[in-house]
């Protein structure tokens, strides 16, 4: 996902912390950030809620958080 790494770094949290906060695997976070894997709808909602941004922002479709 286009903005996931950027958002995570803005908050100064590790992939592991993000994964633990969302009850996910750190490897999944890495794969999302490197665009090796696409998040399903439920995961997109979790990530958008966690960072308080829209799904469109998370996917790079808009510049408005």
N, C-alpha and C. Protein backbone atom coordinates (compact mmCIF):
# COMPACT_ATOMS: atom_id res chain seq x y z
N UNK A 1 0.84 -1.17 0.00
CA UNK A 1 0.00 0.00 0.00
C UNK A 1 0.88 1.23 0.00
N UNK A 2 0.46 2.17 -0.76
CA UNK A 2 1.30 3.32 -1.02
C UNK A 2 1.68 4.14 0.20
N UNK A 3 0.76 4.34 1.13
CA UNK A 3 1.00 5.26 2.25
C UNK A 3 1.28 4.57 3.58
N UNK A 4 1.19 3.27 3.64
CA UNK A 4 1.31 2.59 4.92
C UNK A 4 2.66 2.86 5.59
N UNK A 5 3.73 2.69 4.87
CA UNK A 5 5.07 2.89 5.44
C UNK A 5 5.24 4.34 5.90
N UNK A 6 4.77 5.26 5.08
CA UNK A 6 4.87 6.69 5.40
C UNK A 6 4.11 7.01 6.69
N UNK A 7 2.90 6.51 6.81
CA UNK A 7 2.11 6.75 8.01
C UNK A 7 2.75 6.13 9.25
N UNK A 8 3.27 4.93 9.09
CA UNK A 8 3.92 4.24 10.21
C UNK A 8 5.14 5.02 10.67
N UNK A 9 5.93 5.50 9.74
CA UNK A 9 7.14 6.25 10.10
C UNK A 9 6.80 7.60 10.72
N UNK A 10 5.72 8.24 10.26
CA UNK A 10 5.28 9.50 10.86
C UNK A 10 4.98 9.31 12.34
N UNK A 11 4.42 8.17 12.69
CA UNK A 11 4.09 7.87 14.09
C UNK A 11 5.28 7.28 14.85
N UNK A 12 6.36 7.01 14.14
CA UNK A 12 7.58 6.46 14.74
C UNK A 12 7.31 5.13 15.44
N UNK A 13 6.61 4.26 14.73
CA UNK A 13 6.38 2.91 15.26
C UNK A 13 6.96 1.88 14.31
N UNK A 14 7.35 0.77 14.86
CA UNK A 14 7.93 -0.30 14.06
C UNK A 14 6.82 -1.14 13.41
N UNK A 15 7.22 -1.93 12.44
CA UNK A 15 6.28 -2.88 11.84
C UNK A 15 5.74 -3.83 12.90
N UNK A 16 6.62 -4.24 13.80
CA UNK A 16 6.21 -5.17 14.85
C UNK A 16 5.17 -4.54 15.77
N UNK A 17 5.37 -3.29 16.17
CA UNK A 17 4.40 -2.60 17.03
C UNK A 17 3.05 -2.48 16.33
N UNK A 18 3.07 -2.09 15.07
CA UNK A 18 1.83 -1.97 14.30
C UNK A 18 1.13 -3.32 14.22
N UNK A 19 1.90 -4.34 13.92
CA UNK A 19 1.32 -5.70 13.82
C UNK A 19 0.72 -6.13 15.15
N UNK A 20 1.41 -5.86 16.23
CA UNK A 20 0.90 -6.24 17.55
C UNK A 20 -0.37 -5.46 17.90
N UNK A 21 -0.37 -4.16 17.60
CA UNK A 21 -1.54 -3.33 17.89
C UNK A 21 -2.78 -3.80 17.13
N UNK A 22 -2.56 -4.34 15.94
CA UNK A 22 -3.68 -4.76 15.09
C UNK A 22 -3.90 -6.26 15.11
N UNK A 23 -3.15 -6.95 15.99
CA UNK A 23 -3.27 -8.40 16.08
C UNK A 23 -3.01 -9.07 14.73
N UNK A 24 -1.91 -8.64 14.12
CA UNK A 24 -1.51 -9.15 12.81
C UNK A 24 -0.08 -9.67 12.89
N UNK A 25 0.39 -10.20 11.79
CA UNK A 25 1.74 -10.70 11.67
C UNK A 25 2.64 -9.61 11.10
N UNK A 26 3.83 -9.43 11.66
CA UNK A 26 4.77 -8.41 11.18
C UNK A 26 5.14 -8.65 9.72
N UNK A 27 5.23 -9.90 9.32
CA UNK A 27 5.55 -10.23 7.94
C UNK A 27 4.49 -9.69 6.98
N UNK A 28 3.24 -9.72 7.39
CA UNK A 28 2.16 -9.19 6.56
C UNK A 28 2.32 -7.69 6.36
N UNK A 29 2.65 -6.99 7.44
CA UNK A 29 2.86 -5.53 7.35
C UNK A 29 3.98 -5.24 6.35
N UNK A 30 5.07 -5.98 6.45
CA UNK A 30 6.19 -5.80 5.53
C UNK A 30 5.76 -6.03 4.08
N UNK A 31 5.00 -7.06 3.86
CA UNK A 31 4.55 -7.36 2.49
C UNK A 31 3.59 -6.31 1.97
N UNK A 32 2.74 -5.76 2.82
CA UNK A 32 1.86 -4.67 2.39
C UNK A 32 2.69 -3.45 2.00
N UNK A 33 3.67 -3.11 2.84
CA UNK A 33 4.51 -1.94 2.57
C UNK A 33 5.32 -2.09 1.29
N UNK A 34 5.76 -3.28 1.01
CA UNK A 34 6.58 -3.53 -0.19
C UNK A 34 5.74 -3.93 -1.39
N UNK A 35 4.42 -3.85 -1.23
CA UNK A 35 3.46 -4.17 -2.29
C UNK A 35 3.65 -5.58 -2.85
N UNK A 36 4.05 -6.49 -1.97
CA UNK A 36 4.16 -7.90 -2.34
C UNK A 36 2.85 -8.62 -2.09
N UNK A 37 1.96 -7.96 -1.36
CA UNK A 37 0.67 -8.54 -0.98
C UNK A 37 -0.34 -7.40 -0.86
N UNK A 38 -1.60 -7.69 -1.20
CA UNK A 38 -2.66 -6.69 -1.08
C UNK A 38 -3.52 -7.03 0.13
N UNK A 39 -3.86 -5.99 0.87
CA UNK A 39 -4.70 -6.18 2.05
C UNK A 39 -6.15 -6.41 1.63
N UNK A 40 -6.83 -7.25 2.37
CA UNK A 40 -8.26 -7.44 2.12
C UNK A 40 -9.02 -6.25 2.71
N UNK A 41 -10.32 -6.23 2.43
CA UNK A 41 -11.16 -5.10 2.84
C UNK A 41 -11.14 -4.88 4.35
N UNK A 42 -11.26 -5.94 5.12
CA UNK A 42 -11.27 -5.82 6.58
C UNK A 42 -9.95 -5.24 7.10
N UNK A 43 -8.84 -5.65 6.50
CA UNK A 43 -7.53 -5.13 6.90
C UNK A 43 -7.38 -3.66 6.53
N UNK A 44 -7.88 -3.28 5.36
CA UNK A 44 -7.84 -1.87 4.96
C UNK A 44 -8.59 -1.01 5.97
N UNK A 45 -9.73 -1.49 6.42
CA UNK A 45 -10.52 -0.75 7.41
C UNK A 45 -9.73 -0.62 8.72
N UNK A 46 -9.13 -1.72 9.17
CA UNK A 46 -8.32 -1.68 10.41
C UNK A 46 -7.20 -0.66 10.31
N UNK A 47 -6.48 -0.68 9.18
CA UNK A 47 -5.35 0.22 9.00
C UNK A 47 -5.82 1.68 8.91
N UNK A 48 -6.88 1.93 8.17
CA UNK A 48 -7.39 3.29 8.04
C UNK A 48 -7.88 3.81 9.38
N UNK A 49 -8.56 2.98 10.14
CA UNK A 49 -9.02 3.39 11.47
C UNK A 49 -7.84 3.65 12.41
N UNK A 50 -6.85 2.79 12.36
CA UNK A 50 -5.68 2.92 13.23
C UNK A 50 -4.97 4.26 12.99
N UNK A 51 -4.80 4.62 11.72
CA UNK A 51 -4.09 5.85 11.39
C UNK A 51 -5.03 7.05 11.23
N UNK A 52 -6.34 6.83 11.41
CA UNK A 52 -7.34 7.88 11.29
C UNK A 52 -7.26 8.59 9.93
N UNK A 53 -7.23 7.77 8.88
CA UNK A 53 -7.22 8.27 7.51
C UNK A 53 -8.27 7.51 6.71
N UNK A 54 -8.57 8.00 5.53
CA UNK A 54 -9.52 7.29 4.66
C UNK A 54 -8.79 6.15 3.94
N UNK A 55 -9.55 5.20 3.49
CA UNK A 55 -8.97 4.11 2.71
C UNK A 55 -8.40 4.66 1.41
N UNK A 56 -9.06 5.64 0.82
CA UNK A 56 -8.54 6.26 -0.40
C UNK A 56 -7.17 6.89 -0.16
N UNK A 57 -6.98 7.52 0.98
CA UNK A 57 -5.67 8.10 1.30
C UNK A 57 -4.64 6.99 1.46
N UNK A 58 -5.00 5.96 2.17
CA UNK A 58 -4.10 4.84 2.41
C UNK A 58 -3.63 4.23 1.09
N UNK A 59 -4.51 4.17 0.13
CA UNK A 59 -4.18 3.59 -1.18
C UNK A 59 -3.57 4.59 -2.15
N UNK A 60 -3.42 5.85 -1.72
CA UNK A 60 -2.80 6.85 -2.57
C UNK A 60 -3.73 7.43 -3.61
N UNK A 61 -5.03 7.29 -3.41
CA UNK A 61 -6.01 7.81 -4.37
C UNK A 61 -6.36 9.26 -4.12
N UNK A 62 -6.04 9.78 -2.95
CA UNK A 62 -6.29 11.18 -2.62
C UNK A 62 -5.20 11.67 -1.67
N UNK A 63 -5.01 12.97 -1.65
CA UNK A 63 -4.03 13.54 -0.73
C UNK A 63 -4.67 14.00 0.58
N UNK A 64 -6.00 13.92 0.65
CA UNK A 64 -6.74 14.31 1.85
C UNK A 64 -6.83 13.13 2.80
N UNK A 65 -6.27 13.30 3.99
CA UNK A 65 -6.30 12.20 4.95
C UNK A 65 -7.71 11.91 5.38
